[in-house]
Amino acid sequence: MTEKAGTEGWVPAGIDTTRPTSAGIYNYVIGGKDHFPADREAAEAMLAGSPNTAVGMRATRAFLRRAVRWLADPDGGAIGQFLDIGSGFPTAGNVHEIAQSIDPDARVVYVDYDPTVVACARALTAGNDRVRVIGGDLRRVEDILGHPDVGDFLDWRRPIALVLNAVLHFVTDEQNPKRLIATVRDRMAPGSFLALSHGSMDGLDKTLSPEQIQTAEEQYRRAADPLVLRTHDAIQRFFDGFTLVEPGLVYVPRWRPDGADDGALPPEMSGVYGGVARLPV
C-alpha cells in the first residue's frame, strides 16, 4: 500500500466512505491517520457536545497497550496467541507490535467487520507471517471461529487471549453478548484470558449533561453502530466463567497504570471500564 486510509486514491473498490464508521471515529479521536471526512465530521460533532469522549477513547487505547504487555509478559499472563475481535484501524501500539516486542513468536489474529479496516490492516501487516487479518463480525462469532486463520493458525490446545477492546458496547442486549463471549470461552484451553473494555454511564451522569450523552449516542447511530452504555455490574457479568486478575474491573486509567498514560482528569471521567480475566486451569 502506497497511501494510507483517509487519503485520496487509497479507498478500496466498493467501499462507501460517505458514511462514518465507529472505527474511523475512534481512530480520528485517538490521533490516528486512518479516517475519512465523514468520520472526522461525526467525531467533531460528538466532541463538541461531549468533549470528555476523547479522554475515554485515549484511555481505552492506553489500557489495551498495558493489558497486552501484561498478557505477553512471562511474569504476567505468558500468552503467545491473541484473537483481537473488533480490532479497528491499526495504529501505534497495536496488539502484534506489543506482543511481538516481548515474544517475537507471538501470533495475532485481527478481526473486524469493516472492509476498509481489514484492507488497511492487511496492508500494514504484510510480510509479518505471524499476523493474520480477517473480516468478521462478533455478532456472528461462529463464523469467526470457523475461519481457517482462526481455527488453524491459532493453536486452541494452548492458552489464547481474547481481546474485546471497546467493541461490546456496540452489541445490543438482544444480540446476546454474553452468549457470544461464552461461545469463544467454551473453545478456549484452560489458562486462557479475556481482556475487554466497555463504555459506561457510571460517573458520566455526574460530569456530563443528558444532552451531551445524547449527542455522543446520536453520532454513533449515524455510523450504524448502536452505542450501549452499561453499568459496572452488567459489564462484570461478561467475565462469567473467568477469574478477574488484580485490580479487577476498574476504570481503564486505574488498570495497572504505568505512568506513561496518566491523565489530568479523574479516572471515572474516562467513562470506560476495563479488566483482564483468566480461565481457570
Protein backbone atom coordinates (compact mmCIF):
# COMPACT_ATOMS: atom_id res chain seq x y z
CA MET A 1 0.00 0.00 0.00
CA THR A 2 1.45 3.32 -1.02
CA GLU A 3 -1.16 5.54 0.58
CA LYS A 4 -2.87 5.50 3.94
CA ALA A 5 -6.58 5.13 4.54
CA GLY A 6 -8.22 8.51 4.62
CA THR A 7 -6.13 9.88 1.76
CA GLU A 8 -7.47 10.42 -1.73
CA GLY A 9 -6.86 7.48 -4.04
CA TRP A 10 -6.44 4.87 -1.30
CA VAL A 11 -10.06 3.75 -0.91
CA PRO A 12 -10.57 0.07 -1.82
CA ALA A 13 -13.10 -0.60 -4.55
CA GLY A 14 -16.69 -0.81 -3.37
CA ILE A 15 -16.12 1.00 -0.06
CA ASP A 16 -18.61 3.71 0.89
CA THR A 17 -16.69 6.47 2.65
CA THR A 18 -19.66 8.84 2.84
CA ARG A 19 -20.96 7.19 5.99
CA PRO A 20 -18.94 7.41 9.22
CA THR A 21 -17.83 4.24 10.97
CA SER A 22 -17.10 3.63 14.63
CA ALA A 23 -13.57 2.57 13.68
CA GLY A 24 -12.97 5.79 11.75
CA ILE A 25 -14.38 7.99 14.51
CA TYR A 26 -12.27 6.23 17.11
CA ASN A 27 -9.12 6.42 15.01
CA TYR A 28 -9.57 10.13 14.42
CA VAL A 29 -10.12 10.92 18.11
CA ILE A 30 -7.06 8.97 19.31
CA GLY A 31 -4.86 10.74 16.76
CA GLY A 32 -4.60 8.06 14.08
CA LYS A 33 -4.37 8.66 10.34
CA ASP A 34 -6.94 6.17 9.08
CA HIS A 35 -10.23 8.05 8.71
CA PHE A 36 -12.32 9.83 6.10
CA PRO A 37 -14.15 13.18 6.02
CA ALA A 38 -17.42 11.61 7.21
CA ASP A 39 -15.61 10.13 10.20
CA ARG A 40 -13.99 13.44 11.06
CA GLU A 41 -17.27 15.33 10.75
CA ALA A 42 -19.07 12.89 13.05
CA ALA A 43 -16.20 12.90 15.53
CA GLU A 44 -16.04 16.69 15.71
CA ALA A 45 -19.80 16.90 16.25
CA MET A 46 -19.56 14.34 19.03
CA LEU A 47 -16.62 16.07 20.69
CA ALA A 48 -18.36 19.44 20.51
CA GLY A 49 -21.23 18.08 22.56
CA SER A 50 -19.22 15.68 24.72
CA PRO A 51 -15.55 16.73 24.87
CA ASN A 52 -14.68 14.15 27.53
CA THR A 53 -15.32 11.39 24.99
CA ALA A 54 -11.75 11.89 23.75
CA VAL A 55 -10.46 11.18 27.26
CA GLY A 56 -12.25 7.86 27.32
CA MET A 57 -11.09 6.79 23.87
CA ARG A 58 -7.45 7.60 24.52
CA ALA A 59 -7.55 5.97 27.95
CA THR A 60 -9.07 2.88 26.37
CA ARG A 61 -6.24 2.62 23.85
CA ALA A 62 -3.70 3.01 26.65
CA PHE A 63 -5.45 0.24 28.59
CA LEU A 64 -5.12 -2.05 25.57
CA ARG A 65 -1.38 -1.45 25.40
CA ARG A 66 -0.90 -2.19 29.10
CA ALA A 67 -3.15 -5.24 29.04
CA VAL A 68 -1.39 -6.81 26.06
CA ARG A 69 2.00 -6.06 27.57
CA TRP A 70 0.98 -7.83 30.78
CA LEU A 71 -0.58 -10.75 28.90
CA ALA A 72 2.54 -11.34 26.81
CA ASP A 73 4.97 -10.92 29.70
CA PRO A 74 6.33 -14.22 31.06
CA ASP A 75 5.78 -12.79 34.55
CA GLY A 76 2.18 -11.88 33.68
CA GLY A 77 -0.12 -13.95 31.52
CA ALA A 78 2.70 -15.56 29.49
CA ILE A 79 0.36 -15.67 26.47
CA GLY A 80 1.71 -16.12 22.94
CA GLN A 81 -1.57 -16.09 20.98
CA PHE A 82 -4.10 -13.27 20.62
CA LEU A 83 -7.51 -13.08 18.96
CA ASP A 84 -8.48 -9.40 18.68
CA ILE A 85 -12.12 -9.10 17.60
CA GLY A 86 -13.30 -5.63 16.63
CA SER A 87 -9.70 -4.54 16.29
CA GLY A 88 -10.32 -1.28 14.41
CA PHE A 89 -7.79 0.57 12.28
CA PRO A 90 -4.16 -0.29 13.02
CA THR A 91 -2.41 2.48 14.89
CA ALA A 92 0.68 2.88 17.05
CA GLY A 93 0.87 0.30 19.80
CA ASN A 94 -1.05 -2.46 18.05
CA VAL A 95 -1.51 -5.83 19.70
CA HIS A 96 1.04 -7.57 17.49
CA GLU A 97 3.64 -4.83 17.93
CA ILE A 98 3.46 -5.02 21.72
CA ALA A 99 3.17 -8.79 21.95
CA GLN A 100 5.98 -9.46 19.49
CA SER A 101 8.27 -6.95 21.19
CA ILE A 102 8.12 -9.31 24.19
CA ASP A 103 7.74 -12.63 22.35
CA PRO A 104 8.81 -12.48 18.68
CA ASP A 105 6.93 -15.73 18.05
CA ALA A 106 3.59 -14.38 19.32
CA ARG A 107 0.71 -14.93 16.91
CA VAL A 108 -2.10 -12.41 16.45
CA VAL A 109 -5.34 -12.59 14.50
CA TYR A 110 -7.17 -9.31 13.92
CA VAL A 111 -10.89 -9.44 13.13
CA ASP A 112 -13.06 -6.53 12.04
CA TYR A 113 -16.35 -6.24 10.16
CA ASP A 114 -15.35 -3.01 8.37
CA PRO A 115 -13.80 -3.86 4.96
CA THR A 116 -11.75 -0.67 4.95
CA VAL A 117 -10.22 -1.61 8.29
CA VAL A 118 -9.44 -5.09 7.00
CA ALA A 119 -7.79 -3.76 3.82
CA CYS A 120 -5.69 -1.26 5.75
CA ALA A 121 -4.66 -3.78 8.42
CA ARG A 122 -3.63 -6.35 5.80
CA ALA A 123 -1.50 -3.78 4.01
CA LEU A 124 0.21 -2.63 7.20
CA THR A 125 0.96 -6.16 8.42
CA ALA A 126 2.03 -7.59 5.06
CA GLY A 127 5.21 -9.59 5.45
CA ASN A 128 4.56 -10.48 9.10
CA ASP A 129 3.90 -14.21 8.89
CA ARG A 130 2.70 -14.34 12.50
CA VAL A 131 -0.20 -11.97 11.91
CA ARG A 132 -3.49 -12.64 10.15
CA VAL A 133 -6.29 -10.19 9.36
CA ILE A 134 -9.80 -11.36 8.52
CA GLY A 135 -13.21 -9.85 8.01
CA GLY A 136 -15.71 -10.94 10.63
CA ASP A 137 -18.45 -9.72 12.94
CA LEU A 138 -18.50 -10.56 16.65
CA ARG A 139 -22.26 -10.93 16.36
CA ARG A 140 -21.59 -13.94 14.11
CA VAL A 141 -18.82 -15.36 16.23
CA GLU A 142 -19.28 -18.92 14.97
CA ASP A 143 -18.18 -17.76 11.52
CA ILE A 144 -15.05 -16.24 13.03
CA LEU A 145 -14.14 -19.41 14.90
CA GLY A 146 -14.70 -21.45 11.73
CA HIS A 147 -12.29 -19.33 9.66
CA PRO A 148 -9.01 -21.18 8.94
CA ASP A 149 -6.96 -18.17 10.02
CA VAL A 150 -8.56 -18.54 13.44
CA GLY A 151 -9.25 -22.25 13.74
CA ASP A 152 -5.94 -23.42 12.27
CA PHE A 153 -3.49 -20.52 12.60
CA LEU A 154 -4.06 -20.36 16.37
CA ASP A 155 -3.40 -23.45 18.48
CA TRP A 156 -6.57 -23.87 20.54
CA ARG A 157 -4.96 -26.61 22.60
CA ARG A 158 -2.86 -23.87 24.22
CA PRO A 159 -3.99 -20.73 26.10
CA ILE A 160 -5.20 -17.80 23.99
CA ALA A 161 -6.02 -14.21 24.88
CA LEU A 162 -9.35 -12.98 23.54
CA VAL A 163 -9.25 -9.20 23.17
CA LEU A 164 -12.55 -7.29 23.03
CA ASN A 165 -11.42 -3.69 23.30
CA ALA A 166 -14.23 -1.12 23.04
CA VAL A 167 -16.42 -3.41 20.93
CA LEU A 168 -19.06 -4.92 23.24
CA HIS A 169 -20.81 -1.57 23.69
CA PHE A 170 -21.77 -1.88 20.02
CA VAL A 171 -23.57 -5.17 20.70
CA THR A 172 -27.14 -4.85 21.95
CA ASP A 173 -28.68 -6.98 24.67
CA GLU A 174 -30.93 -8.55 22.03
CA GLN A 175 -27.79 -9.80 20.25
CA ASN A 176 -26.80 -11.59 23.47
CA PRO A 177 -23.18 -10.53 24.05
CA LYS A 178 -22.84 -12.98 26.95
CA ARG A 179 -23.56 -15.89 24.61
CA LEU A 180 -21.04 -14.58 22.09
CA ILE A 181 -18.29 -14.49 24.71
CA ALA A 182 -19.30 -17.89 26.07
CA THR A 183 -19.02 -19.39 22.59
CA VAL A 184 -15.35 -18.42 22.42
CA ARG A 185 -14.75 -19.26 26.09
CA ASP A 186 -16.00 -22.81 25.58
CA ARG A 187 -13.45 -23.27 22.80
CA MET A 188 -10.53 -21.93 24.85
CA ALA A 189 -7.94 -24.01 26.66
CA PRO A 190 -7.66 -23.66 30.45
CA GLY A 191 -5.39 -20.77 31.36
CA SER A 192 -6.68 -18.58 28.52
CA PHE A 193 -7.56 -14.94 29.11
CA LEU A 194 -10.28 -12.43 28.28
CA ALA A 195 -9.32 -8.74 28.08
CA LEU A 196 -12.11 -6.27 27.49
CA SER A 197 -13.08 -2.65 27.88
CA HIS A 198 -16.58 -1.23 27.74
CA GLY A 199 -18.19 2.20 27.88
CA SER A 200 -20.39 3.00 30.86
CA MET A 201 -22.78 5.64 32.12
CA ASP A 202 -21.39 5.23 35.65
CA GLY A 203 -19.91 8.53 36.72
CA LEU A 204 -20.63 10.28 33.42
CA ASP A 205 -24.00 11.47 34.62
CA LYS A 206 -22.11 13.49 37.23
CA THR A 207 -19.90 15.24 34.70
CA LEU A 208 -21.95 15.33 31.50
CA SER A 209 -25.43 16.60 30.83
CA PRO A 210 -28.07 14.30 29.30
CA GLU A 211 -27.79 16.40 26.15
CA GLN A 212 -24.05 15.73 25.88
CA ILE A 213 -24.54 11.99 26.31
CA GLN A 214 -27.31 12.05 23.74
CA THR A 215 -25.03 13.82 21.26
CA ALA A 216 -22.44 11.04 21.51
CA GLU A 217 -25.09 8.35 21.08
CA GLU A 218 -26.59 10.10 18.07
CA GLN A 219 -23.24 10.32 16.28
CA TYR A 220 -22.70 6.60 16.70
CA ARG A 221 -26.22 5.89 15.46
CA ARG A 222 -25.29 7.82 12.31
CA ALA A 223 -22.39 5.41 11.98
CA ALA A 224 -24.84 2.47 12.04
CA ASP A 225 -23.32 1.25 15.29
CA PRO A 226 -25.61 1.33 18.31
CA LEU A 227 -23.90 2.57 21.45
CA VAL A 228 -24.99 0.61 24.52
CA LEU A 229 -23.50 2.04 27.70
CA ARG A 230 -23.75 -0.48 30.55
CA THR A 231 -23.23 -0.44 34.32
CA HIS A 232 -20.25 -1.91 36.14
CA ASP A 233 -22.32 -4.90 37.28
CA ALA A 234 -23.60 -5.60 33.76
CA ILE A 235 -20.08 -5.46 32.32
CA GLN A 236 -18.70 -7.69 35.05
CA ARG A 237 -21.14 -10.41 34.06
CA PHE A 238 -19.32 -10.70 30.72
CA PHE A 239 -16.50 -12.31 32.69
CA ASP A 240 -18.64 -15.23 33.85
CA GLY A 241 -16.53 -18.38 33.85
CA PHE A 242 -13.30 -16.39 34.15
CA THR A 243 -11.46 -15.12 37.22
CA LEU A 244 -10.52 -11.45 37.14
CA VAL A 245 -6.87 -10.64 37.83
CA GLU A 246 -5.94 -7.68 40.01
CA PRO A 247 -7.11 -4.94 40.13
CA GLY A 248 -10.38 -6.38 38.79
CA LEU A 249 -12.85 -4.47 36.63
CA VAL A 250 -11.95 -0.81 37.08
CA TYR A 251 -11.96 2.46 35.17
CA VAL A 252 -9.32 1.93 32.49
CA PRO A 253 -6.82 4.51 33.82
CA ARG A 254 -6.73 2.51 37.07
CA TRP A 255 -5.85 -0.82 35.44
CA ARG A 256 -2.16 -1.34 36.27
CA PRO A 257 -1.13 2.25 35.43
CA ASP A 258 2.47 2.67 34.35
CA GLY A 259 2.71 6.45 34.49
CA ALA A 260 3.10 6.83 30.75
CA ASP A 261 -0.58 7.39 30.09
CA ASP A 262 -1.63 9.26 33.22
CA GLY A 263 -4.24 11.91 32.54
CA ALA A 264 -5.12 15.07 34.37
CA LEU A 265 -8.80 14.18 34.75
CA PRO A 266 -10.30 11.80 37.32
CA PRO A 267 -10.35 8.17 36.08
CA GLU A 268 -14.15 7.98 36.23
CA MET A 269 -14.33 10.67 33.57
CA SER A 270 -12.96 8.13 31.10
CA GLY A 271 -16.42 6.56 31.14
CA VAL A 272 -14.84 3.18 30.34
CA TYR A 273 -14.25 0.08 32.46
CA GLY A 274 -11.58 -2.46 31.68
CA GLY A 275 -10.43 -5.78 33.04
CA VAL A 276 -8.47 -8.93 32.31
CA ALA A 277 -9.56 -12.36 33.50
CA ARG A 278 -8.24 -15.90 33.34
CA LEU A 279 -10.00 -19.13 32.52
CA PRO A 280 -9.28 -21.45 35.45
CA VAL A 281 -6.85 -24.31 34.89
